[in-house]
Protein backbone atom coordinates (compact mmCIF):
# COMPACT_ATOMS: atom_id res chain seq x y z
CA MET A 1 -12.49 19.91 -39.23
CA PRO A 2 -13.01 22.60 -36.58
CA GLN A 3 -11.54 21.97 -33.17
CA ASN A 4 -13.16 22.63 -29.86
CA THR A 5 -11.20 25.53 -28.40
CA ASP A 6 -13.15 25.44 -25.13
CA TYR A 7 -11.61 22.10 -24.15
CA LYS A 8 -10.54 22.02 -20.52
CA ALA A 9 -8.08 19.24 -19.71
CA SER A 10 -8.67 19.33 -15.98
CA LYS A 11 -12.39 18.54 -16.31
CA SER A 12 -11.66 15.68 -18.69
CA GLU A 13 -8.95 14.31 -16.42
CA ASN A 14 -11.29 14.43 -13.43
CA GLN A 15 -13.95 12.54 -15.37
CA THR A 16 -11.39 9.93 -16.38
CA ILE A 17 -10.26 9.40 -12.80
CA ALA A 18 -13.83 9.06 -11.59
CA TYR A 19 -14.52 6.51 -14.33
CA LYS A 20 -11.43 4.49 -13.38
CA GLU A 21 -12.54 4.47 -9.74
CA ARG A 22 -15.96 3.14 -10.75
CA LEU A 23 -14.41 0.24 -12.64
CA ASN A 24 -13.24 -1.56 -9.52
CA SER A 25 -16.49 -1.74 -7.60
CA TRP A 26 -16.19 -5.35 -6.44
CA ALA A 27 -14.06 -5.75 -3.36
CA ILE A 28 -12.92 -8.37 -0.91
CA ALA A 29 -13.40 -7.34 2.68
CA ARG A 30 -11.77 -9.00 5.66
CA ILE A 31 -14.15 -9.22 8.58
CA LEU A 32 -12.43 -8.05 11.76
CA PRO A 33 -13.40 -9.18 15.27
CA ASP A 34 -15.08 -5.86 16.16
CA ALA A 35 -17.58 -6.20 13.26
CA GLN A 36 -15.56 -3.80 11.14
CA ARG A 37 -14.43 -4.61 7.63
CA GLU A 38 -11.15 -3.90 5.91
CA ILE A 39 -10.95 -3.80 2.10
CA VAL A 40 -8.20 -6.17 1.00
CA ALA A 41 -8.45 -5.90 -2.80
CA ARG A 42 -10.66 -4.45 -5.55
CA PHE A 43 -11.75 -6.04 -8.83
CA ARG A 44 -13.71 -5.20 -11.96
CA SER A 45 -15.76 -8.37 -11.95
CA ARG A 46 -17.40 -10.50 -9.30
CA SER A 47 -15.87 -13.68 -10.69
CA ASP A 48 -12.36 -12.26 -10.30
CA ALA A 49 -13.14 -11.33 -6.70
CA ASP A 50 -14.58 -14.79 -5.99
CA GLY A 51 -11.49 -16.48 -7.40
CA TYR A 52 -9.11 -14.36 -5.38
CA MET A 53 -11.19 -14.87 -2.24
CA GLN A 54 -10.78 -18.64 -2.63
CA HIS A 55 -7.03 -18.10 -2.80
CA LEU A 56 -7.09 -15.93 0.33
CA ARG A 57 -9.11 -18.54 2.22
CA GLN A 58 -6.54 -21.20 1.34
CA MET A 59 -3.63 -18.98 2.39
CA THR A 60 -5.21 -17.72 5.64
CA PRO A 61 -7.91 -20.17 6.77
CA SER A 62 -8.32 -18.49 10.16
CA ALA A 63 -9.50 -15.16 8.64
CA SER A 64 -13.00 -14.35 7.42
CA PHE A 65 -13.47 -12.77 4.00
CA MET A 66 -16.50 -11.74 1.98
CA VAL A 67 -17.09 -10.28 -1.49
CA VAL A 68 -18.87 -6.92 -1.42
CA PHE A 69 -20.09 -4.47 -4.03
CA ASP A 70 -18.73 -1.12 -2.90
CA CYS A 71 -21.17 1.36 -4.45
CA GLN A 72 -20.53 4.05 -1.79
CA ARG A 73 -16.85 4.41 -2.61
CA GLU A 74 -17.12 7.69 -4.53
CA GLU A 75 -19.20 9.36 -1.83
CA ALA A 76 -16.69 8.33 0.82
CA VAL A 77 -13.85 9.97 -1.12
CA ILE A 78 -15.60 13.34 -1.36
């Protein structure tokens, strides 16, 4: 079977990294007093994020958390 001799590892590696970043689009944000948000954790699924948020609320009842879908993450990195 002929092999592709034009294979560039760096392009493939970059695509893999971008794909891995897209996997964890669900995030838990802590709402700060000045209306800012701080990402606490990232998850692949909404149900995982919801479950962990319940845990966070039990551990720190005085803090405010919300589950967000972070679709702008890649643009912010660039």
